[in-house]
Amino acid sequence: MKSSTEEMTTTSQVVERLRKNGDDNEFRWKDGSFVAAGKNYQPEDLKIVKTYRFEGFSDPSDTAVLYVIKTNDNVLGYSLDAYGVYSNHDDEQGYDNAIRMIPVANRDEQLLFEV
């Protein structure tokens, strides 16, 4: 599936596009909050502006989801997760619950890539 400007079929291509735009802050789940750009954020401080899902043709472990996230103070970045049963966090329930609490903008703009 193509994005509006070019085809991006791998997570590294999406992250590279974010890096080139200076928006490659990684939101990591740590001690009950998302941490990026040296700050801690709660789900209510964030908005998911785009979601990319990547699904492998033959290997279920090739599935991933990348959330492009914007903070209420305009920091843009991403959170990357293995998709489904392969998701692996130290605080799995905390991350999964927190990511579900983040409001999502324009759900119809989600993109699915098969690699």
PDB file of N, CA and C in Angstrom:
ATOM      1  N   MET A   1       0.842  -1.168   0.000  1.00  0.00           N
ATOM      2  CA  MET A   1       0.000   0.000   0.000  1.00  0.00           C
ATOM      3  C   MET A   1       0.889   1.234   0.000  1.00  0.00           C
ATOM      4  N   LYS A   2       0.523   2.243  -0.720  1.00  0.00           N
ATOM      5  CA  LYS A   2       1.359   3.434  -0.818  1.00  0.00           C
ATOM      6  C   LYS A   2       0.858   4.525   0.109  1.00  0.00           C
ATOM      7  N   SER A   3       1.819   5.270   0.671  1.00  0.00           N
ATOM      8  CA  SER A   3       1.452   6.465   1.400  1.00  0.00           C
ATOM      9  C   SER A   3       1.176   7.549   0.367  1.00  0.00           C
ATOM     10  N   SER A   4       0.846   8.728   0.844  1.00  0.00           N
ATOM     11  CA  SER A   4       0.496   9.790  -0.094  1.00  0.00           C
ATOM     12  C   SER A   4       1.673  10.253  -0.940  1.00  0.00           C
ATOM     13  N   THR A   5       2.916  10.018  -0.490  1.00  0.00           N
ATOM     14  CA  THR A   5       4.052  10.517  -1.261  1.00  0.00           C
ATOM     15  C   THR A   5       4.950   9.423  -1.818  1.00  0.00           C
ATOM     16  N   GLU A   6       5.125   8.321  -1.089  1.00  0.00           N
ATOM     17  CA  GLU A   6       5.978   7.250  -1.580  1.00  0.00           C
ATOM     18  C   GLU A   6       5.683   5.979  -0.809  1.00  0.00           C
ATOM     19  N   GLU A   7       6.109   4.866  -1.375  1.00  0.00           N
ATOM     20  CA  GLU A   7       5.876   3.589  -0.710  1.00  0.00           C
ATOM     21  C   GLU A   7       6.914   3.378   0.385  1.00  0.00           C
ATOM     22  N   MET A   8       6.438   3.016   1.575  1.00  0.00           N
ATOM     23  CA  MET A   8       7.312   2.675   2.688  1.00  0.00           C
ATOM     24  C   MET A   8       6.865   1.315   3.185  1.00  0.00           C
ATOM     25  N   THR A   9       7.709   0.317   3.042  1.00  0.00           N
ATOM     26  CA  THR A   9       7.279  -1.037   3.348  1.00  0.00           C
ATOM     27  C   THR A   9       7.960  -1.646   4.562  1.00  0.00           C
ATOM     28  N   THR A  10       8.892  -0.953   5.180  1.00  0.00           N
ATOM     29  CA  THR A  10       9.560  -1.495   6.358  1.00  0.00           C
ATOM     30  C   THR A  10       9.546  -0.478   7.482  1.00  0.00           C
ATOM     31  N   THR A  11       9.685  -0.995   8.689  1.00  0.00           N
ATOM     32  CA  THR A  11       9.764  -0.102   9.840  1.00  0.00           C
ATOM     33  C   THR A  11      10.948   0.838   9.722  1.00  0.00           C
ATOM     34  N   SER A  12      12.075   0.324   9.243  1.00  0.00           N
ATOM     35  CA  SER A  12      13.258   1.190   9.135  1.00  0.00           C
ATOM     36  C   SER A  12      13.017   2.339   8.154  1.00  0.00           C
ATOM     37  N   GLN A  13      12.232   2.124   7.104  1.00  0.00           N
ATOM     38  CA  GLN A  13      11.926   3.212   6.168  1.00  0.00           C
ATOM     39  C   GLN A  13      11.073   4.286   6.841  1.00  0.00           C
ATOM     40  N   VAL A  14      10.110   3.871   7.652  1.00  0.00           N
ATOM     41  CA  VAL A  14       9.272   4.847   8.349  1.00  0.00           C
ATOM     42  C   VAL A  14      10.099   5.621   9.369  1.00  0.00           C
ATOM     43  N   VAL A  15      10.919   4.906  10.148  1.00  0.00           N
ATOM     44  CA  VAL A  15      11.758   5.574  11.151  1.00  0.00           C
ATOM     45  C   VAL A  15      12.763   6.508  10.474  1.00  0.00           C
ATOM     46  N   GLU A  16      13.302   6.098   9.342  1.00  0.00           N
ATOM     47  CA  GLU A  16      14.240   6.958   8.614  1.00  0.00           C
ATOM     48  C   GLU A  16      13.546   8.227   8.132  1.00  0.00           C
ATOM     49  N   ARG A  17      12.317   8.117   7.653  1.00  0.00           N
ATOM     50  CA  ARG A  17      11.559   9.305   7.238  1.00  0.00           C
ATOM     51  C   ARG A  17      11.362  10.240   8.427  1.00  0.00           C
ATOM     52  N   LEU A  18      11.018   9.694   9.589  1.00  0.00           N
ATOM     53  CA  LEU A  18      10.861  10.508  10.800  1.00  0.00           C
ATOM     54  C   LEU A  18      12.182  11.173  11.177  1.00  0.00           C
ATOM     55  N   ARG A  19      13.284  10.405  11.080  1.00  0.00           N
ATOM     56  CA  ARG A  19      14.607  10.954  11.417  1.00  0.00           C
ATOM     57  C   ARG A  19      14.952  12.135  10.516  1.00  0.00           C
ATOM     58  N   LYS A  20      14.703  11.977   9.220  1.00  0.00           N
ATOM     59  CA  LYS A  20      15.009  13.061   8.272  1.00  0.00           C
ATOM     60  C   LYS A  20      14.206  14.319   8.574  1.00  0.00           C
ATOM     61  N   ASN A  21      13.016  14.142   9.103  1.00  0.00           N
ATOM     62  CA  ASN A  21      12.175  15.288   9.461  1.00  0.00           C
ATOM     63  C   ASN A  21      12.476  15.802  10.870  1.00  0.00           C
ATOM     64  N   GLY A  22      13.403  15.147  11.573  1.00  0.00           N
ATOM     65  CA  GLY A  22      13.731  15.550  12.942  1.00  0.00           C
ATOM     66  C   GLY A  22      12.681  15.131  13.954  1.00  0.00           C
ATOM     67  N   ASP A  23      11.875  14.139  13.599  1.00  0.00           N
ATOM     68  CA  ASP A  23      10.763  13.699  14.446  1.00  0.00           C
ATOM     69  C   ASP A  23      10.963  12.273  14.928  1.00  0.00           C
ATOM     70  N   ASP A  24      12.200  11.890  15.199  1.00  0.00           N
ATOM     71  CA  ASP A  24      12.487  10.494  15.534  1.00  0.00           C
ATOM     72  C   ASP A  24      12.670  10.257  17.031  1.00  0.00           C
ATOM     73  N   ASN A  25      11.970  11.011  17.856  1.00  0.00           N
ATOM     74  CA  ASN A  25      12.004  10.772  19.294  1.00  0.00           C
ATOM     75  C   ASN A  25      11.302   9.447  19.579  1.00  0.00           C
ATOM     76  N   GLU A  26      11.981   8.554  20.258  1.00  0.00           N
ATOM     77  CA  GLU A  26      11.353   7.276  20.575  1.00  0.00           C
ATOM     78  C   GLU A  26      10.666   7.372  21.933  1.00  0.00           C
ATOM     79  N   PHE A  27       9.385   7.049  21.955  1.00  0.00           N
ATOM     80  CA  PHE A  27       8.617   7.025  23.190  1.00  0.00           C
ATOM     81  C   PHE A  27       8.762   5.633  23.798  1.00  0.00           C
ATOM     82  N   ARG A  28       9.469   5.565  24.925  1.00  0.00           N
ATOM     83  CA  ARG A  28       9.684   4.287  25.614  1.00  0.00           C
ATOM     84  C   ARG A  28       8.842   4.256  26.885  1.00  0.00           C
ATOM     85  N   TRP A  29       8.272   3.108  27.157  1.00  0.00           N
ATOM     86  CA  TRP A  29       7.479   2.921  28.371  1.00  0.00           C
ATOM     87  C   TRP A  29       8.426   2.607  29.521  1.00  0.00           C
ATOM     88  N   LYS A  30       8.420   3.472  30.548  1.00  0.00           N
ATOM     89  CA  LYS A  30       9.319   3.267  31.680  1.00  0.00           C
ATOM     90  C   LYS A  30       8.671   3.785  32.957  1.00  0.00           C
ATOM     91  N   ASP A  31       8.613   2.941  33.945  1.00  0.00           N
ATOM     92  CA  ASP A  31       8.114   3.315  35.265  1.00  0.00           C
ATOM     93  C   ASP A  31       6.761   4.030  35.217  1.00  0.00           C
ATOM     94  N   GLY A  32       5.846   3.537  34.415  1.00  0.00           N
ATOM     95  CA  GLY A  32       4.488   4.059  34.412  1.00  0.00           C
ATOM     96  C   GLY A  32       4.230   5.267  33.547  1.00  0.00           C
ATOM     97  N   SER A  33       5.183   5.614  32.671  1.00  0.00           N
ATOM     98  CA  SER A  33       4.952   6.724  31.746  1.00  0.00           C
ATOM     99  C   SER A  33       5.767   6.510  30.474  1.00  0.00           C
ATOM    100  N   PHE A  34       5.402   7.259  29.444  1.00  0.00           N
ATOM    101  CA  PHE A  34       6.181   7.248  28.208  1.00  0.00           C
ATOM    102  C   PHE A  34       7.266   8.309  28.353  1.00  0.00           C
ATOM    103  N   VAL A  35       8.482   7.960  27.983  1.00  0.00           N
ATOM    104  CA  VAL A  35       9.613   8.874  28.096  1.00  0.00           C
ATOM    105  C   VAL A  35      10.142   9.156  26.695  1.00  0.00           C
ATOM    106  N   ALA A  36      10.269  10.451  26.371  1.00  0.00           N
ATOM    107  CA  ALA A  36      10.843  10.885  25.090  1.00  0.00           C
ATOM    108  C   ALA A  36      11.370  12.289  25.261  1.00  0.00           C
ATOM    109  N   ALA A  37      12.430  12.603  24.544  1.00  0.00           N
ATOM    110  CA  ALA A  37      13.028  13.945  24.559  1.00  0.00           C
ATOM    111  C   ALA A  37      13.295  14.426  25.987  1.00  0.00           C
ATOM    112  N   GLY A  38      13.669  13.501  26.869  1.00  0.00           N
ATOM    113  CA  GLY A  38      14.025  13.853  28.232  1.00  0.00           C
ATOM    114  C   GLY A  38      12.852  14.187  29.143  1.00  0.00           C
ATOM    115  N   LYS A  39      11.624  13.890  28.701  1.00  0.00           N
ATOM    116  CA  LYS A  39      10.435  14.187  29.508  1.00  0.00           C
ATOM    117  C   LYS A  39       9.586  12.929  29.676  1.00  0.00           C
ATOM    118  N   ASN A  40       8.799  12.927  30.754  1.00  0.00           N
ATOM    119  CA  ASN A  40       7.835  11.855  30.991  1.00  0.00           C
ATOM    120  C   ASN A  40       6.454  12.335  30.581  1.00  0.00           C
ATOM    121  N   TYR A  41       5.703  11.457  29.919  1.00  0.00           N
ATOM    122  CA  TYR A  41       4.364  11.793  29.442  1.00  0.00           C
ATOM    123  C   TYR A  41       3.376  10.717  29.854  1.00  0.00           C
ATOM    124  N   GLN A  42       2.200  11.133  30.232  1.00  0.00           N
ATOM    125  CA  GLN A  42       1.081  10.238  30.496  1.00  0.00           C
ATOM    126  C   GLN A  42       0.231  10.143  29.231  1.00  0.00           C
ATOM    127  N   PRO A  43      -0.578   9.100  29.087  1.00  0.00           N
ATOM    128  CA  PRO A  43      -1.394   8.958  27.879  1.00  0.00           C
ATOM    129  C   PRO A  43      -2.225  10.198  27.544  1.00  0.00           C
ATOM    130  N   GLU A  44      -2.722  10.887  28.543  1.00  0.00           N
ATOM    131  CA  GLU A  44      -3.536  12.082  28.279  1.00  0.00           C
ATOM    132  C   GLU A  44      -2.717  13.254  27.716  1.00  0.00           C
ATOM    133  N   ASP A  45      -1.396  13.164  27.771  1.00  0.00           N
ATOM    134  CA  ASP A  45      -0.519  14.192  27.207  1.00  0.00           C
ATOM    135  C   ASP A  45      -0.176  13.916  25.749  1.00  0.00           C
ATOM    136  N   LEU A  46      -0.678  12.806  25.199  1.00  0.00           N
ATOM    137  CA  LEU A  46      -0.258  12.314  23.892  1.00  0.00           C
ATOM    138  C   LEU A  46      -1.447  12.138  22.947  1.00  0.00           C
ATOM    139  N   LYS A  47      -1.119  12.065  21.661  1.00  0.00           N
ATOM    140  CA  LYS A  47      -2.106  11.728  20.640  1.00  0.00           C
ATOM    141  C   LYS A  47      -1.403  10.880  19.589  1.00  0.00           C
ATOM    142  N   ILE A  48      -2.018   9.769  19.206  1.00  0.00           N
ATOM    143  CA  ILE A  48      -1.484   8.947  18.116  1.00  0.00           C
ATOM    144  C   ILE A  48      -1.965   9.578  16.818  1.00  0.00           C
ATOM    145  N   VAL A  49      -1.019  10.050  16.001  1.00  0.00           N
ATOM    146  CA  VAL A  49      -1.393  10.739  14.759  1.00  0.00           C
ATOM    147  C   VAL A  49      -1.357   9.822  13.544  1.00  0.00           C
ATOM    148  N   LYS A  50      -0.683   8.691  13.661  1.00  0.00           N
ATOM    149  CA  LYS A  50      -0.665   7.727  12.565  1.00  0.00           C
ATOM    150  C   LYS A  50      -0.215   6.383  13.121  1.00  0.00           C
ATOM    151  N   THR A  51      -0.734   5.326  12.538  1.00  0.00           N
ATOM    152  CA  THR A  51      -0.361   3.974  12.933  1.00  0.00           C
ATOM    153  C   THR A  51       0.055   3.202  11.693  1.00  0.00           C
ATOM    154  N   TYR A  52       1.207   2.559  11.776  1.00  0.00           N
ATOM    155  CA  TYR A  52       1.682   1.693  10.694  1.00  0.00           C
ATOM    156  C   TYR A  52       1.724   0.273  11.241  1.00  0.00           C
ATOM    157  N   ARG A  53       1.081  -0.641  10.564  1.00  0.00           N
ATOM    158  CA  ARG A  53       1.170  -2.056  10.933  1.00  0.00           C
ATOM    159  C   ARG A  53       1.920  -2.772   9.828  1.00  0.00           C
ATOM    160  N   PHE A  54       2.853  -3.605  10.233  1.00  0.00           N
ATOM    161  CA  PHE A  54       3.663  -4.363   9.291  1.00  0.00           C
ATOM    162  C   PHE A  54       3.411  -5.840   9.545  1.00  0.00           C
ATOM    163  N   GLU A  55       3.060  -6.589   8.506  1.00  0.00           N
ATOM    164  CA  GLU A  55       2.783  -8.013   8.645  1.00  0.00           C
ATOM    165  C   GLU A  55       3.628  -8.807   7.668  1.00  0.00           C
ATOM    166  N   GLY A  56       4.341  -9.801   8.195  1.00  0.00           N
ATOM    167  CA  GLY A  56       5.153 -10.657   7.346  1.00  0.00           C
ATOM    168  C   GLY A  56       4.294 -11.660   6.593  1.00  0.00           C
ATOM    169  N   PHE A  57       4.729 -12.035   5.391  1.00  0.00           N
ATOM    170  CA  PHE A  57       3.982 -13.002   4.593  1.00  0.00           C
ATOM    171  C   PHE A  57       3.992 -14.391   5.217  1.00  0.00           C
ATOM    172  N   SER A  58       5.155 -14.854   5.653  1.00  0.00           N
ATOM    173  CA  SER A  58       5.257 -16.249   6.071  1.00  0.00           C
ATOM    174  C   SER A  58       5.643 -16.435   7.532  1.00  0.00           C
ATOM    175  N   ASP A  59       6.073 -15.390   8.204  1.00  0.00           N
ATOM    176  CA  ASP A  59       6.554 -15.530   9.572  1.00  0.00           C
ATOM    177  C   ASP A  59       5.784 -14.599  10.495  1.00  0.00           C
ATOM    178  N   PRO A  60       4.951 -15.145  11.391  1.00  0.00           N
ATOM    179  CA  PRO A  60       4.174 -14.288  12.288  1.00  0.00           C
ATOM    180  C   PRO A  60       5.040 -13.389  13.163  1.00  0.00           C
ATOM    181  N   SER A  61       6.304 -13.768  13.378  1.00  0.00           N
ATOM    182  CA  SER A  61       7.166 -12.931  14.219  1.00  0.00           C
ATOM    183  C   SER A  61       7.603 -11.661  13.496  1.00  0.00           C
ATOM    184  N   ASP A  62       7.283 -11.537  12.207  1.00  0.00           N
ATOM    185  CA  ASP A  62       7.618 -10.335  11.444  1.00  0.00           C
ATOM    186  C   ASP A  62       6.564  -9.238  11.575  1.00  0.00           C
ATOM    187  N   THR A  63       5.623  -9.396  12.475  1.00  0.00           N
ATOM    188  CA  THR A  63       4.577  -8.395  12.610  1.00  0.00           C
ATOM    189  C   THR A  63       4.978  -7.335  13.632  1.00  0.00           C
ATOM    190  N   ALA A  64       4.658  -6.081  13.303  1.00  0.00           N
ATOM    191  CA  ALA A  64       4.988  -4.975  14.194  1.00  0.00           C
ATOM    192  C   ALA A  64       3.980  -3.853  13.997  1.00  0.00           C
ATOM    193  N   VAL A  65       3.908  -2.998  14.985  1.00  0.00           N
ATOM    194  CA  VAL A  65       3.082  -1.799  14.875  1.00  0.00           C
ATOM    195  C   VAL A  65       3.938  -0.614  15.321  1.00  0.00           C
ATOM    196  N   LEU A  66       3.879   0.447  14.554  1.00  0.00           N
ATOM    197  CA  LEU A  66       4.614   1.663  14.861  1.00  0.00           C
ATOM    198  C   LEU A  66       3.587   2.776  15.000  1.00  0.00           C
ATOM    199  N   TYR A  67       3.550   3.395  16.178  1.00  0.00           N
ATOM    200  CA  TYR A  67       2.642   4.506  16.442  1.00  0.00           C
ATOM    201  C   TYR A  67       3.422   5.802  16.311  1.00  0.00           C
ATOM    202  N   VAL A  68       2.969   6.721  15.473  1.00  0.00           N
ATOM    203  CA  VAL A  68       3.535   8.058  15.425  1.00  0.00           C
ATOM    204  C   VAL A  68       2.749   8.877  16.443  1.00  0.00           C
ATOM    205  N   ILE A  69       3.476   9.452  17.397  1.00  0.00           N
ATOM    206  CA  ILE A  69       2.860  10.097  18.555  1.00  0.00           C
ATOM    207  C   ILE A  69       3.276  11.557  18.623  1.00  0.00           C
ATOM    208  N   LYS A  70       2.308  12.410  18.964  1.00  0.00           N
ATOM    209  CA  LYS A  70       2.568  13.833  19.181  1.00  0.00           C
ATOM    210  C   LYS A  70       2.139  14.188  20.597  1.00  0.00           C
ATOM    211  N   THR A  71       2.982  14.969  21.273  1.00  0.00           N
ATOM    212  CA  THR A  71       2.677  15.368  22.644  1.00  0.00           C
ATOM    213  C   THR A  71       1.921  16.692  22.650  1.00  0.00           C
ATOM    214  N   ASN A  72       1.368  17.017  23.822  1.00  0.00           N
ATOM    215  CA  ASN A  72       0.673  18.295  23.955  1.00  0.00           C
ATOM    216  C   ASN A  72       1.633  19.485  23.905  1.00  0.00           C
ATOM    217  N   ASP A  73       2.959  19.242  24.013  1.00  0.00           N
ATOM    218  CA  ASP A  73       3.937  20.318  23.836  1.00  0.00           C
ATOM    219  C   ASP A  73       4.698  20.167  22.509  1.00  0.00           C
ATOM    220  N   ASN A  74       4.054  19.491  21.533  1.00  0.00           N
ATOM    221  CA  ASN A  74       4.503  19.401  20.134  1.00  0.00           C
ATOM    222  C   ASN A  74       5.781  18.607  19.886  1.00  0.00           C
ATOM    223  N   VAL A  75       6.098  17.644  20.736  1.00  0.00           N
ATOM    224  CA  VAL A  75       7.182  16.708  20.440  1.00  0.00           C
ATOM    225  C   VAL A  75       6.574  15.598  19.588  1.00  0.00           C
ATOM    226  N   LEU A  76       7.209  15.285  18.471  1.00  0.00           N
ATOM    227  CA  LEU A  76       6.732  14.227  17.593  1.00  0.00           C
ATOM    228  C   LEU A  76       7.731  13.088  17.602  1.00  0.00           C
ATOM    229  N   GLY A  77       7.223  11.879  17.647  1.00  0.00           N
ATOM    230  CA  GLY A  77       8.096  10.712  17.655  1.00  0.00           C
ATOM    231  C   GLY A  77       7.293   9.454  17.432  1.00  0.00           C
ATOM    232  N   TYR A  78       7.793   8.332  17.949  1.00  0.00           N
ATOM    233  CA  TYR A  78       7.148   7.053  17.680  1.00  0.00           C
ATOM    234  C   TYR A  78       7.335   6.089  18.836  1.00  0.00           C
ATOM    235  N   SER A  79       6.461   5.106  18.876  1.00  0.00           N
ATOM    236  CA  SER A  79       6.617   3.949  19.750  1.00  0.00           C
ATOM    237  C   SER A  79       6.466   2.721  18.866  1.00  0.00           C
ATOM    238  N   LEU A  80       7.389   1.798  18.974  1.00  0.00           N
ATOM    239  CA  LEU A  80       7.418   0.603  18.140  1.00  0.00           C
ATOM    240  C   LEU A  80       7.167  -0.617  19.012  1.00  0.00           C
ATOM    241  N   ASP A  81       6.309  -1.502  18.529  1.00  0.00           N
ATOM    242  CA  ASP A  81       5.979  -2.689  19.298  1.00  0.00           C
ATOM    243  C   ASP A  81       5.810  -3.872  18.362  1.00  0.00           C
ATOM    244  N   ALA A  82       6.238  -5.044  18.821  1.00  0.00           N
ATOM    245  CA  ALA A  82       5.887  -6.272  18.104  1.00  0.00           C
ATOM    246  C   ALA A  82       4.380  -6.399  18.217  1.00  0.00           C
ATOM    247  N   TYR A  83       3.775  -6.999  17.242  1.00  0.00           N
ATOM    248  CA  TYR A  83       2.320  -7.056  17.173  1.00  0.00           C
ATOM    249  C   TYR A  83       1.807  -8.363  17.761  1.00  0.00           C
ATOM    250  N   GLY A  84       0.766  -8.281  18.568  1.00  0.00           N
ATOM    251  CA  GLY A  84       0.105  -9.468  19.087  1.00  0.00           C
ATOM    252  C   GLY A  84       0.913 -10.205  20.133  1.00  0.00           C
ATOM    253  N   VAL A  85       0.959 -11.528  20.021  1.00  0.00           N
ATOM    254  CA  VAL A  85       1.588 -12.355  21.045  1.00  0.00           C
ATOM    255  C   VAL A  85       3.092 -12.131  21.149  1.00  0.00           C
ATOM    256  N   TYR A  86       3.693 -11.514  20.145  1.00  0.00           N
ATOM    257  CA  TYR A  86       5.135 -11.286  20.162  1.00  0.00           C
ATOM    258  C   TYR A  86       5.520  -9.969  20.839  1.00  0.00           C
ATOM    259  N   SER A  87       4.533  -9.219  21.282  1.00  0.00           N
ATOM    260  CA  SER A  87       4.790  -7.998  22.021  1.00  0.00           C
ATOM    261  C   SER A  87       5.554  -8.343  23.293  1.00  0.00           C
ATOM    262  N   ASN A  88       6.604  -7.582  23.601  1.00  0.00           N
ATOM    263  CA  ASN A  88       7.449  -7.925  24.739  1.00  0.00           C
ATOM    264  C   ASN A  88       7.907  -6.658  25.453  1.00  0.00           C
ATOM    265  N   HIS A  89       7.326  -6.402  26.612  1.00  0.00           N
ATOM    266  CA  HIS A  89       7.704  -5.259  27.443  1.00  0.00           C
ATOM    267  C   HIS A  89       7.951  -5.746  28.854  1.00  0.00           C
ATOM    268  N   ASP A  90       8.812  -5.044  29.583  1.00  0.00           N
ATOM    269  CA  ASP A  90       9.027  -5.397  30.984  1.00  0.00           C
ATOM    270  C   ASP A  90       7.727  -5.270  31.763  1.00  0.00           C
ATOM    271  N   ASP A  91       6.939  -4.254  31.428  1.00  0.00           N
ATOM    272  CA  ASP A  91       5.662  -4.004  32.084  1.00  0.00           C
ATOM    273  C   ASP A  91       4.568  -4.106  31.021  1.00  0.00           C
ATOM    274  N   GLU A  92       4.384  -5.315  30.507  1.00  0.00           N
ATOM    275  CA  GLU A  92       3.491  -5.553  29.368  1.00  0.00           C
ATOM    276  C   GLU A  92       2.104  -4.973  29.584  1.00  0.00           C
ATOM    277  N   GLN A  93       1.487  -5.284  30.698  1.00  0.00           N
ATOM    278  CA  GLN A  93       0.127  -4.809  30.923  1.00  0.00           C
ATOM    279  C   GLN A  93       0.098  -3.284  30.984  1.00  0.00           C
ATOM    280  N   GLY A  94       1.099  -2.671  31.579  1.00  0.00           N
ATOM    281  CA  GLY A  94       1.138  -1.212  31.672  1.00  0.00           C
ATOM    282  C   GLY A  94       1.237  -0.553  30.306  1.00  0.00           C
ATOM    283  N   TYR A  95       2.141  -1.038  29.454  1.00  0.00           N
ATOM    284  CA  TYR A  95       2.294  -0.469  28.113  1.00  0.00           C
ATOM    285  C   TYR A  95       1.020  -0.660  27.308  1.00  0.00           C
ATOM    286  N   ASP A  96       0.521  -1.886  27.281  1.00  0.00           N
ATOM    287  CA  ASP A  96      -0.670  -2.168  26.482  1.00  0.00           C
ATOM    288  C   ASP A  96      -1.856  -1.316  26.925  1.00  0.00           C
ATOM    289  N   ASN A  97      -2.057  -1.195  28.216  1.00  0.00           N
ATOM    290  CA  ASN A  97      -3.154  -0.364  28.711  1.00  0.00           C
ATOM    291  C   ASN A  97      -2.928   1.105  28.380  1.00  0.00           C
ATOM    292  N   ALA A  98      -1.697   1.572  28.555  1.00  0.00           N
ATOM    293  CA  ALA A  98      -1.403   2.988  28.306  1.00  0.00           C
ATOM    294  C   ALA A  98      -1.561   3.341  26.833  1.00  0.00           C
ATOM    295  N   ILE A  99      -1.088   2.493  25.932  1.00  0.00           N
ATOM    296  CA  ILE A  99      -1.186   2.800  24.499  1.00  0.00           C
ATOM    297  C   ILE A  99      -2.653   2.858  24.078  1.00  0.00           C
ATOM    298  N   ARG A 100      -3.500   2.039  24.689  1.00  0.00           N
ATOM    299  CA  ARG A 100      -4.942   2.068  24.390  1.00  0.00           C
ATOM    300  C   ARG A 100      -5.615   3.343  24.898  1.00  0.00           C
ATOM    301  N   MET A 101      -5.028   3.967  25.900  1.00  0.00           N
ATOM    302  CA  MET A 101      -5.610   5.182  26.481  1.00  0.00           C
ATOM    303  C   MET A 101      -5.267   6.440  25.688  1.00  0.00           C
ATOM    304  N   ILE A 102      -4.293   6.366  24.787  1.00  0.00           N
ATOM    305  CA  ILE A 102      -3.892   7.530  24.009  1.00  0.00           C
ATOM    306  C   ILE A 102      -4.940   7.784  22.925  1.00  0.00           C
ATOM    307  N   PRO A 103      -5.486   8.987  22.846  1.00  0.00           N
ATOM    308  CA  PRO A 103      -6.449   9.297  21.782  1.00  0.00           C
ATOM    309  C   PRO A 103      -5.813   9.137  20.404  1.00  0.00           C
ATOM    310  N   VAL A 104      -6.619   8.703  19.447  1.00  0.00           N
ATOM    311  CA  VAL A 104      -6.153   8.469  18.092  1.00  0.00           C
ATOM    312  C   VAL A 104      -6.811   9.465  17.155  1.00  0.00           C
ATOM    313  N   ALA A 105      -5.998  10.153  16.366  1.00  0.00           N
ATOM    314  CA  ALA A 105      -6.511  11.085  15.365  1.00  0.00           C
ATOM    315  C   ALA A 105      -6.674  10.363  14.036  1.00  0.00           C
ATOM    316  N   ASN A 106      -7.770  10.587  13.357  1.00  0.00           N
ATOM    317  CA  ASN A 106      -7.961  10.108  11.982  1.00  0.00           C
ATOM    318  C   ASN A 106      -7.661   8.634  11.816  1.00  0.00           C
ATOM    319  N   ARG A 107      -8.401   7.790  12.482  1.00  0.00           N
ATOM    320  CA  ARG A 107      -8.177   6.347  12.402  1.00  0.00           C
ATOM    321  C   ARG A 107      -8.177   5.829  10.978  1.00  0.00           C
ATOM    322  N   ASP A 108      -8.883   6.494  10.090  1.00  0.00           N
ATOM    323  CA  ASP A 108      -8.918   6.034   8.708  1.00  0.00           C
ATOM    324  C   ASP A 108      -7.593   6.236   7.991  1.00  0.00           C
ATOM    325  N   GLU A 109      -6.657   6.959   8.578  1.00  0.00           N
ATOM    326  CA  GLU A 109      -5.354   7.173   7.954  1.00  0.00           C
ATOM    327  C   GLU A 109      -4.347   6.077   8.321  1.00  0.00           C
ATOM    328  N   GLN A 110      -4.761   5.065   9.080  1.00  0.00           N
ATOM    329  CA  GLN A 110      -3.832   3.995   9.418  1.00  0.00           C
ATOM    330  C   GLN A 110      -3.406   3.288   8.137  1.00  0.00           C
ATOM    331  N   LEU A 111      -2.190   2.852   8.126  1.00  0.00           N
ATOM    332  CA  LEU A 111      -1.638   2.184   6.956  1.00  0.00           C
ATOM    333  C   LEU A 111      -1.203   0.777   7.320  1.00  0.00           C
ATOM    334  N   LEU A 112      -1.431  -0.160   6.433  1.00  0.00           N
ATOM    335  CA  LEU A 112      -1.013  -1.527   6.621  1.00  0.00           C
ATOM    336  C   LEU A 112      -0.022  -1.896   5.531  1.00  0.00           C
ATOM    337  N   PHE A 113       1.122  -2.429   5.917  1.00  0.00           N
ATOM    338  CA  PHE A 113       2.135  -2.842   4.959  1.00  0.00           C
ATOM    339  C   PHE A 113       2.399  -4.320   5.137  1.00  0.00           C
ATOM    340  N   GLU A 114       2.488  -5.040   4.060  1.00  0.00           N
ATOM    341  CA  GLU A 114       2.913  -6.420   4.108  1.00  0.00           C
ATOM    342  C   GLU A 114       4.294  -6.485   3.498  1.00  0.00           C
ATOM    343  N   VAL A 115       5.234  -7.063   4.250  1.00  0.00           N
ATOM    344  CA  VAL A 115       6.620  -7.103   3.784  1.00  0.00           C
ATOM    345  C   VAL A 115       7.029  -8.533   3.477  1.00  0.00           C
TER     346      VAL A 115
END
